[in-house]
PDB file of N, CA and C in Angstrom:
ATOM      1  N   MET A   1     -26.759 -13.013  -5.225  1.00  0.00           N
ATOM      2  CA  MET A   1     -26.796 -14.163  -5.722  1.00  0.00           C
ATOM      3  C   MET A   1     -25.995 -15.885  -5.032  1.00  0.00           C
ATOM      4  N   GLY A   2     -27.205 -16.744  -4.936  1.00  0.00           N
ATOM      5  CA  GLY A   2     -25.350 -17.595  -3.779  1.00  0.00           C
ATOM      6  C   GLY A   2     -24.649 -18.188  -4.681  1.00  0.00           C
ATOM      7  N   ILE A   3     -24.167 -18.960  -3.908  1.00  0.00           N
ATOM      8  CA  ILE A   3     -22.454 -19.657  -3.896  1.00  0.00           C
ATOM      9  C   ILE A   3     -23.062 -20.442  -5.242  1.00  0.00           C
ATOM     10  N   ARG A   4     -23.791 -20.801  -4.501  1.00  0.00           N
ATOM     11  CA  ARG A   4     -24.758 -22.375  -5.310  1.00  0.00           C
ATOM     12  C   ARG A   4     -24.778 -22.372  -6.537  1.00  0.00           C
ATOM     13  N   GLU A   5     -25.240 -20.831  -6.819  1.00  0.00           N
ATOM     14  CA  GLU A   5     -26.162 -20.533  -8.219  1.00  0.00           C
ATOM     15  C   GLU A   5     -25.693 -20.407  -9.440  1.00  0.00           C
ATOM     16  N   LEU A   6     -24.418 -19.846  -8.461  1.00  0.00           N
ATOM     17  CA  LEU A   6     -22.765 -19.046 -10.205  1.00  0.00           C
ATOM     18  C   LEU A   6     -22.751 -20.591  -9.928  1.00  0.00           C
ATOM     19  N   ARG A   7     -22.185 -21.350  -9.075  1.00  0.00           N
ATOM     20  CA  ARG A   7     -21.672 -22.664  -9.894  1.00  0.00           C
ATOM     21  C   ARG A   7     -23.152 -23.647 -10.344  1.00  0.00           C
ATOM     22  N   GLN A   8     -24.316 -23.611 -10.318  1.00  0.00           N
ATOM     23  CA  GLN A   8     -24.976 -24.177 -11.459  1.00  0.00           C
ATOM     24  C   GLN A   8     -24.848 -22.982 -12.952  1.00  0.00           C
ATOM     25  N   ASN A   9     -25.238 -21.877 -12.964  1.00  0.00           N
ATOM     26  CA  ASN A   9     -25.033 -21.356 -13.894  1.00  0.00           C
ATOM     27  C   ASN A   9     -23.659 -20.057 -14.858  1.00  0.00           C
ATOM     28  N   ALA A  10     -22.523 -20.637 -13.648  1.00  0.00           N
ATOM     29  CA  ALA A  10     -20.892 -19.672 -14.366  1.00  0.00           C
ATOM     30  C   ALA A  10     -21.481 -19.362 -15.196  1.00  0.00           C
ATOM     31  N   SER A  11     -21.512 -20.182 -16.772  1.00  0.00           N
ATOM     32  CA  SER A  11     -21.220 -19.566 -18.142  1.00  0.00           C
ATOM     33  C   SER A  11     -22.350 -18.264 -17.891  1.00  0.00           C
ATOM     34  N   ALA A  12     -23.626 -19.038 -17.270  1.00  0.00           N
ATOM     35  CA  ALA A  12     -24.925 -17.858 -17.923  1.00  0.00           C
ATOM     36  C   ALA A  12     -25.052 -16.505 -17.532  1.00  0.00           C
ATOM     37  N   ILE A  13     -24.576 -16.005 -16.377  1.00  0.00           N
ATOM     38  CA  ILE A  13     -23.922 -15.287 -15.531  1.00  0.00           C
ATOM     39  C   ILE A  13     -22.587 -14.691 -15.063  1.00  0.00           C
ATOM     40  N   LEU A  14     -21.887 -15.369 -15.715  1.00  0.00           N
ATOM     41  CA  LEU A  14     -20.702 -14.260 -16.309  1.00  0.00           C
ATOM     42  C   LEU A  14     -21.299 -13.700 -18.149  1.00  0.00           C
ATOM     43  N   ALA A  15     -21.234 -14.531 -19.045  1.00  0.00           N
ATOM     44  CA  ALA A  15     -21.496 -13.252 -19.859  1.00  0.00           C
ATOM     45  C   ALA A  15     -22.777 -12.793 -20.045  1.00  0.00           C
ATOM     46  N   GLU A  16     -23.598 -12.421 -18.640  1.00  0.00           N
ATOM     47  CA  GLU A  16     -24.668 -11.875 -18.801  1.00  0.00           C
ATOM     48  C   GLU A  16     -24.424 -10.337 -17.664  1.00  0.00           C
ATOM     49  N   ALA A  17     -23.245 -10.615 -16.765  1.00  0.00           N
ATOM     50  CA  ALA A  17     -22.600  -9.380 -16.433  1.00  0.00           C
ATOM     51  C   ALA A  17     -22.049  -8.789 -17.358  1.00  0.00           C
ATOM     52  N   LEU A  18     -20.928  -9.136 -18.503  1.00  0.00           N
ATOM     53  CA  LEU A  18     -20.375  -8.736 -19.139  1.00  0.00           C
ATOM     54  C   LEU A  18     -21.218  -8.078 -20.327  1.00  0.00           C
ATOM     55  N   ARG A  19     -22.746  -8.175 -20.237  1.00  0.00           N
ATOM     56  CA  ARG A  19     -23.443  -8.569 -21.536  1.00  0.00           C
ATOM     57  C   ARG A  19     -24.167  -6.094 -20.607  1.00  0.00           C
ATOM     58  N   THR A  20     -23.964  -6.931 -19.443  1.00  0.00           N
ATOM     59  CA  THR A  20     -24.842  -5.265 -18.691  1.00  0.00           C
ATOM     60  C   THR A  20     -23.675  -4.652 -18.151  1.00  0.00           C
ATOM     61  N   GLY A  21     -22.753  -5.015 -17.742  1.00  0.00           N
ATOM     62  CA  GLY A  21     -21.844  -3.861 -17.267  1.00  0.00           C
ATOM     63  C   GLY A  21     -21.581  -4.333 -15.612  1.00  0.00           C
ATOM     64  N   GLU A  22     -22.269  -5.376 -15.553  1.00  0.00           N
ATOM     65  CA  GLU A  22     -23.520  -4.995 -13.483  1.00  0.00           C
ATOM     66  C   GLU A  22     -22.316  -6.092 -12.275  1.00  0.00           C
ATOM     67  N   PRO A  23     -21.777  -5.454 -12.057  1.00  0.00           N
ATOM     68  CA  PRO A  23     -21.643  -6.282 -11.011  1.00  0.00           C
ATOM     69  C   PRO A  23     -21.745  -7.574 -10.590  1.00  0.00           C
ATOM     70  N   VAL A  24     -21.857  -8.329  -9.710  1.00  0.00           N
ATOM     71  CA  VAL A  24     -22.385  -9.926  -9.530  1.00  0.00           C
ATOM     72  C   VAL A  24     -21.953  -9.997  -7.881  1.00  0.00           C
ATOM     73  N   SER A  25     -23.156 -10.048  -6.941  1.00  0.00           N
ATOM     74  CA  SER A  25     -22.887 -10.668  -5.468  1.00  0.00           C
ATOM     75  C   SER A  25     -22.878 -11.271  -5.703  1.00  0.00           C
ATOM     76  N   ILE A  26     -22.458 -11.873  -4.573  1.00  0.00           N
ATOM     77  CA  ILE A  26     -22.315 -13.257  -4.586  1.00  0.00           C
ATOM     78  C   ILE A  26     -22.082 -14.014  -2.794  1.00  0.00           C
ATOM     79  N   THR A  27     -23.590 -14.058  -2.116  1.00  0.00           N
ATOM     80  CA  THR A  27     -23.133 -14.057  -0.873  1.00  0.00           C
ATOM     81  C   THR A  27     -23.474 -16.207  -0.714  1.00  0.00           C
ATOM     82  N   SER A  28     -22.794 -16.088   0.463  1.00  0.00           N
ATOM     83  CA  SER A  28     -22.865 -17.488   1.697  1.00  0.00           C
ATOM     84  C   SER A  28     -23.810 -17.346   2.343  1.00  0.00           C
ATOM     85  N   HIS A  29     -24.838 -18.446   2.024  1.00  0.00           N
ATOM     86  CA  HIS A  29     -25.467 -18.869   3.744  1.00  0.00           C
ATOM     87  C   HIS A  29     -25.591 -16.865   4.266  1.00  0.00           C
ATOM     88  N   GLY A  30     -26.096 -16.154   2.621  1.00  0.00           N
ATOM     89  CA  GLY A  30     -26.964 -15.049   3.145  1.00  0.00           C
ATOM     90  C   GLY A  30     -25.964 -14.241   3.108  1.00  0.00           C
ATOM     91  N   LYS A  31     -24.364 -14.334   3.599  1.00  0.00           N
ATOM     92  CA  LYS A  31     -23.152 -13.096   3.567  1.00  0.00           C
ATOM     93  C   LYS A  31     -22.383 -12.745   2.730  1.00  0.00           C
ATOM     94  N   LEU A  32     -22.759 -11.908   1.585  1.00  0.00           N
ATOM     95  CA  LEU A  32     -22.035 -11.018   0.283  1.00  0.00           C
ATOM     96  C   LEU A  32     -20.259 -11.997   0.857  1.00  0.00           C
ATOM     97  N   GLN A  33     -19.945 -12.529   0.314  1.00  0.00           N
ATOM     98  CA  GLN A  33     -18.388 -13.162  -0.448  1.00  0.00           C
ATOM     99  C   GLN A  33     -17.937 -12.343  -0.956  1.00  0.00           C
ATOM    100  N   ALA A  34     -18.295 -11.816  -1.965  1.00  0.00           N
ATOM    101  CA  ALA A  34     -17.488 -11.156  -3.037  1.00  0.00           C
ATOM    102  C   ALA A  34     -18.430 -11.165  -4.351  1.00  0.00           C
ATOM    103  N   THR A  35     -17.548 -10.296  -4.672  1.00  0.00           N
ATOM    104  CA  THR A  35     -19.043  -9.669  -5.579  1.00  0.00           C
ATOM    105  C   THR A  35     -17.575  -9.558  -7.031  1.00  0.00           C
ATOM    106  N   LEU A  36     -18.113 -10.103  -8.330  1.00  0.00           N
ATOM    107  CA  LEU A  36     -17.919 -10.309 -10.085  1.00  0.00           C
ATOM    108  C   LEU A  36     -17.896  -9.089 -10.624  1.00  0.00           C
ATOM    109  N   VAL A  37     -16.358  -8.399 -10.986  1.00  0.00           N
ATOM    110  CA  VAL A  37     -16.789  -7.282 -11.214  1.00  0.00           C
ATOM    111  C   VAL A  37     -16.598  -7.122 -13.563  1.00  0.00           C
ATOM    112  N   PRO A  38     -17.147  -6.892 -13.894  1.00  0.00           N
ATOM    113  CA  PRO A  38     -17.368  -7.616 -15.653  1.00  0.00           C
ATOM    114  C   PRO A  38     -15.028  -6.181 -15.885  1.00  0.00           C
ATOM    115  N   ALA A  39     -14.403  -6.739 -16.079  1.00  0.00           N
ATOM    116  CA  ALA A  39     -13.082  -6.765 -16.694  1.00  0.00           C
ATOM    117  C   ALA A  39     -13.204  -5.110 -17.324  1.00  0.00           C
ATOM    118  N   ALA A  40     -14.143  -4.313 -18.142  1.00  0.00           N
ATOM    119  CA  ALA A  40     -13.884  -3.279 -18.900  1.00  0.00           C
ATOM    120  C   ALA A  40     -14.857  -2.844 -17.523  1.00  0.00           C
ATOM    121  N   VAL A  41     -15.922  -3.264 -16.772  1.00  0.00           N
ATOM    122  CA  VAL A  41     -15.733  -2.021 -15.851  1.00  0.00           C
ATOM    123  C   VAL A  41     -14.816  -1.781 -14.889  1.00  0.00           C
ATOM    124  N   ASP A  42     -13.727  -3.374 -14.313  1.00  0.00           N
ATOM    125  CA  ASP A  42     -13.082  -2.745 -13.458  1.00  0.00           C
ATOM    126  C   ASP A  42     -12.076  -1.726 -13.622  1.00  0.00           C
ATOM    127  N   LEU A  43     -11.898  -1.631 -15.507  1.00  0.00           N
ATOM    128  CA  LEU A  43     -10.346  -0.580 -16.137  1.00  0.00           C
ATOM    129  C   LEU A  43     -11.150   1.122 -16.193  1.00  0.00           C
ATOM    130  N   ARG A  44     -12.606   0.821 -16.227  1.00  0.00           N
ATOM    131  CA  ARG A  44     -12.923   2.050 -16.285  1.00  0.00           C
ATOM    132  C   ARG A  44     -12.736   2.615 -14.605  1.00  0.00           C
ATOM    133  N   PHE A  45     -12.877   2.263 -13.835  1.00  0.00           N
ATOM    134  CA  PHE A  45     -12.954   2.539 -12.526  1.00  0.00           C
ATOM    135  C   PHE A  45     -11.555   2.566 -12.775  1.00  0.00           C
ATOM    136  N   GLU A  46     -10.851   2.526 -12.590  1.00  0.00           N
ATOM    137  CA  GLU A  46      -8.905   2.382 -12.846  1.00  0.00           C
ATOM    138  C   GLU A  46      -8.856   3.961 -13.203  1.00  0.00           C
ATOM    139  N   GLN A  47      -9.598   3.802 -15.250  1.00  0.00           N
ATOM    140  CA  GLN A  47      -9.509   5.032 -15.359  1.00  0.00           C
ATOM    141  C   GLN A  47      -9.759   6.513 -13.991  1.00  0.00           C
ATOM    142  N   ARG A  48     -11.377   6.376 -13.961  1.00  0.00           N
ATOM    143  CA  ARG A  48     -11.365   7.301 -12.948  1.00  0.00           C
ATOM    144  C   ARG A  48     -11.016   7.325 -11.814  1.00  0.00           C
ATOM    145  N   LEU A  49     -10.039   6.803 -11.329  1.00  0.00           N
ATOM    146  CA  LEU A  49      -8.777   6.724 -10.357  1.00  0.00           C
ATOM    147  C   LEU A  49      -7.368   7.589 -10.643  1.00  0.00           C
ATOM    148  N   ILE A  50      -7.380   7.285 -11.378  1.00  0.00           N
ATOM    149  CA  ILE A  50      -6.089   7.899 -12.624  1.00  0.00           C
ATOM    150  C   ILE A  50      -6.512   9.607 -12.969  1.00  0.00           C
ATOM    151  N   ASP A  51      -7.790   9.701 -13.337  1.00  0.00           N
ATOM    152  CA  ASP A  51      -8.737  10.961 -13.976  1.00  0.00           C
ATOM    153  C   ASP A  51      -8.740  11.374 -12.619  1.00  0.00           C
ATOM    154  N   SER A  52      -9.100  11.501 -10.785  1.00  0.00           N
ATOM    155  CA  SER A  52      -8.776  12.514 -10.205  1.00  0.00           C
ATOM    156  C   SER A  52      -7.745  13.256  -9.770  1.00  0.00           C
ATOM    157  N   GLY A  53      -6.927  12.145  -9.921  1.00  0.00           N
ATOM    158  CA  GLY A  53      -5.545  12.166  -9.174  1.00  0.00           C
ATOM    159  C   GLY A  53      -5.080  10.708  -8.375  1.00  0.00           C
ATOM    160  N   ALA A  54      -5.940  10.320  -7.962  1.00  0.00           N
ATOM    161  CA  ALA A  54      -5.898   9.241  -6.105  1.00  0.00           C
ATOM    162  C   ALA A  54      -5.277   9.018  -7.314  1.00  0.00           C
ATOM    163  N   LEU A  55      -5.176   8.255  -8.485  1.00  0.00           N
ATOM    164  CA  LEU A  55      -4.242   6.886  -8.656  1.00  0.00           C
ATOM    165  C   LEU A  55      -2.701   7.536  -9.337  1.00  0.00           C
ATOM    166  N   LYS A  56      -1.734   6.688  -9.521  1.00  0.00           N
ATOM    167  CA  LYS A  56      -1.046   7.701 -10.313  1.00  0.00           C
ATOM    168  C   LYS A  56      -0.167   6.320 -11.345  1.00  0.00           C
ATOM    169  N   PRO A  57      -0.159   6.016 -12.664  1.00  0.00           N
ATOM    170  CA  PRO A  57       0.335   5.058 -13.371  1.00  0.00           C
ATOM    171  C   PRO A  57       2.120   3.914 -13.012  1.00  0.00           C
ATOM    172  N   GLY A  58       1.834   3.874 -12.649  1.00  0.00           N
ATOM    173  CA  GLY A  58       2.981   2.832 -13.556  1.00  0.00           C
ATOM    174  C   GLY A  58       4.258   4.057 -14.354  1.00  0.00           C
ATOM    175  N   THR A  59       5.486   3.943 -14.394  1.00  0.00           N
ATOM    176  CA  THR A  59       5.948   4.140 -15.191  1.00  0.00           C
ATOM    177  C   THR A  59       7.296   2.923 -16.094  1.00  0.00           C
ATOM    178  N   GLY A  60       7.715   2.944 -16.928  1.00  0.00           N
ATOM    179  CA  GLY A  60       8.366   2.525 -17.077  1.00  0.00           C
ATOM    180  C   GLY A  60       8.142   0.573 -16.785  1.00  0.00           C
ATOM    181  N   ARG A  61       9.278   0.052 -16.753  1.00  0.00           N
ATOM    182  CA  ARG A  61       8.674  -1.738 -16.618  1.00  0.00           C
ATOM    183  C   ARG A  61       9.417  -1.933 -15.250  1.00  0.00           C
ATOM    184  N   ALA A  62       8.485  -3.259 -14.787  1.00  0.00           N
ATOM    185  CA  ALA A  62       8.720  -3.721 -13.971  1.00  0.00           C
ATOM    186  C   ALA A  62      10.285  -4.326 -13.360  1.00  0.00           C
ATOM    187  N   TRP A  63      10.944  -4.708 -14.398  1.00  0.00           N
ATOM    188  CA  TRP A  63      12.104  -5.996 -13.769  1.00  0.00           C
ATOM    189  C   TRP A  63      12.618  -4.241 -14.104  1.00  0.00           C
ATOM    190  N   GLU A  64      12.662  -3.538 -14.209  1.00  0.00           N
ATOM    191  CA  GLU A  64      13.153  -2.417 -13.791  1.00  0.00           C
ATOM    192  C   GLU A  64      13.417  -1.196 -11.907  1.00  0.00           C
ATOM    193  N   ILE A  65      12.543  -1.964 -11.354  1.00  0.00           N
ATOM    194  CA  ILE A  65      12.531  -1.173 -10.385  1.00  0.00           C
ATOM    195  C   ILE A  65      13.956  -1.502  -9.179  1.00  0.00           C
ATOM    196  N   GLN A  66      14.144  -0.201  -9.063  1.00  0.00           N
ATOM    197  CA  GLN A  66      15.324  -0.672  -7.630  1.00  0.00           C
ATOM    198  C   GLN A  66      15.018  -0.740  -5.771  1.00  0.00           C
ATOM    199  N   PRO A  67      14.941  -2.218  -5.951  1.00  0.00           N
ATOM    200  CA  PRO A  67      14.439  -1.958  -4.409  1.00  0.00           C
ATOM    201  C   PRO A  67      15.929  -0.300  -3.797  1.00  0.00           C
ATOM    202  N   ILE A  68      14.537  -0.431  -2.717  1.00  0.00           N
ATOM    203  CA  ILE A  68      14.560   0.414  -1.969  1.00  0.00           C
ATOM    204  C   ILE A  68      15.322  -0.017  -0.520  1.00  0.00           C
ATOM    205  N   GLU A  69      16.134   0.444   0.247  1.00  0.00           N
ATOM    206  CA  GLU A  69      16.373   0.383   1.742  1.00  0.00           C
ATOM    207  C   GLU A  69      16.361   0.044   2.572  1.00  0.00           C
ATOM    208  N   ALA A  70      15.898  -0.468   3.517  1.00  0.00           N
ATOM    209  CA  ALA A  70      15.031  -0.205   4.866  1.00  0.00           C
ATOM    210  C   ALA A  70      15.833   0.297   5.356  1.00  0.00           C
ATOM    211  N   PRO A  71      14.714   0.779   6.474  1.00  0.00           N
ATOM    212  CA  PRO A  71      15.415   1.812   7.633  1.00  0.00           C
ATOM    213  C   PRO A  71      16.479   0.392   8.483  1.00  0.00           C
ATOM    214  N   PRO A  72      17.245   2.040   9.265  1.00  0.00           N
ATOM    215  CA  PRO A  72      18.203   0.247   9.775  1.00  0.00           C
ATOM    216  C   PRO A  72      17.802   0.736  11.223  1.00  0.00           C
ATOM    217  N   GLY A  73      17.744  -0.567  11.494  1.00  0.00           N
ATOM    218  CA  GLY A  73      17.152  -1.309  13.154  1.00  0.00           C
ATOM    219  C   GLY A  73      16.347  -3.030  12.317  1.00  0.00           C
ATOM    220  N   THR A  74      15.979  -1.883  10.614  1.00  0.00           N
ATOM    221  CA  THR A  74      14.613  -3.378  10.219  1.00  0.00           C
ATOM    222  C   THR A  74      14.998  -4.275   9.968  1.00  0.00           C
ATOM    223  N   PRO A  75      14.142  -5.637  10.444  1.00  0.00           N
ATOM    224  CA  PRO A  75      14.863  -6.856  10.419  1.00  0.00           C
ATOM    225  C   PRO A  75      14.578  -7.771   8.831  1.00  0.00           C
ATOM    226  N   SER A  76      15.145  -8.193   8.139  1.00  0.00           N
ATOM    227  CA  SER A  76      15.523  -7.774   6.484  1.00  0.00           C
ATOM    228  C   SER A  76      13.865  -9.537   6.626  1.00  0.00           C
ATOM    229  N   SER A  77      14.142 -10.028   5.721  1.00  0.00           N
ATOM    230  CA  SER A  77      12.361 -10.231   5.503  1.00  0.00           C
ATOM    231  C   SER A  77      12.889 -11.616   5.852  1.00  0.00           C
ATOM    232  N   LYS A  78      14.748 -12.243   5.656  1.00  0.00           N
ATOM    233  CA  LYS A  78      14.869 -14.128   6.056  1.00  0.00           C
ATOM    234  C   LYS A  78      14.584 -13.640   7.628  1.00  0.00           C
ATOM    235  N   GLU A  79      14.998 -12.974   8.393  1.00  0.00           N
ATOM    236  CA  GLU A  79      14.710 -12.629  10.128  1.00  0.00           C
ATOM    237  C   GLU A  79      12.777 -12.949   9.975  1.00  0.00           C
ATOM    238  N   ILE A  80      12.440 -12.451   9.342  1.00  0.00           N
ATOM    239  CA  ILE A  80      11.031 -12.134   9.447  1.00  0.00           C
ATOM    240  C   ILE A  80      10.343 -13.809   9.608  1.00  0.00           C
ATOM    241  N   LEU A  81      10.234 -13.914   8.076  1.00  0.00           N
ATOM    242  CA  LEU A  81       9.751 -15.296   7.890  1.00  0.00           C
ATOM    243  C   LEU A  81      10.521 -16.434   8.873  1.00  0.00           C
ATOM    244  N   ASP A  82      11.882 -16.558   9.692  1.00  0.00           N
ATOM    245  CA  ASP A  82      12.867 -17.216  10.792  1.00  0.00           C
ATOM    246  C   ASP A  82      11.315 -17.137  10.983  1.00  0.00           C
ATOM    247  N   ASP A  83      11.080 -15.667  11.854  1.00  0.00           N
ATOM    248  CA  ASP A  83      10.435 -15.321  12.782  1.00  0.00           C
ATOM    249  C   ASP A  83       8.788 -16.446  12.919  1.00  0.00           C
ATOM    250  N   LEU A  84       8.337 -16.215  12.162  1.00  0.00           N
ATOM    251  CA  LEU A  84       7.028 -16.755  11.937  1.00  0.00           C
ATOM    252  C   LEU A  84       7.418 -17.683  11.895  1.00  0.00           C
ATOM    253  N   SER A  85       8.219 -18.632  11.280  1.00  0.00           N
ATOM    254  CA  SER A  85       7.647 -19.753  11.023  1.00  0.00           C
ATOM    255  C   SER A  85       8.357 -20.727  12.388  1.00  0.00           C
ATOM    256  N   ALA A  86       9.091 -20.056  13.599  1.00  0.00           N
ATOM    257  CA  ALA A  86       9.065 -20.430  14.701  1.00  0.00           C
ATOM    258  C   ALA A  86       8.038 -20.685  15.195  1.00  0.00           C
ATOM    259  N   ASP A  87       7.383 -19.918  14.973  1.00  0.00           N
ATOM    260  CA  ASP A  87       6.227 -19.073  15.719  1.00  0.00           C
ATOM    261  C   ASP A  87       5.145 -20.309  14.923  1.00  0.00           C
ATOM    262  N   ARG A  88       5.072 -21.220  15.044  1.00  0.00           N
ATOM    263  CA  ARG A  88       4.039 -22.424  14.130  1.00  0.00           C
ATOM    264  C   ARG A  88       4.935 -23.906  14.324  1.00  0.00           C
ATOM    265  N   LEU A  89       6.047 -23.555  14.757  1.00  0.00           N
ATOM    266  CA  LEU A  89       6.235 -25.188  15.967  1.00  0.00           C
ATOM    267  C   LEU A  89       5.670 -26.178  17.066  1.00  0.00           C
TER     268      LEU A  89
END
């Protein structure tokens, strides 16, 4: 489906995708740009990954995650960002 058609009929296209559970391929100038996937399909895919052992769901709360130490000699985040900023000037 072309991006123009998506813009003109977004509500109907979304409703159809939700009804059928089928992903919708979005193209621009005939080239695939994105795929609209209904959330239920995405959740089933996640569950299949968990069931296969390819994905391990997190435990605990995000704010309880402890930072890890960078290996010795690794530049800090600030140093990396400073280098990237210097490259733009």
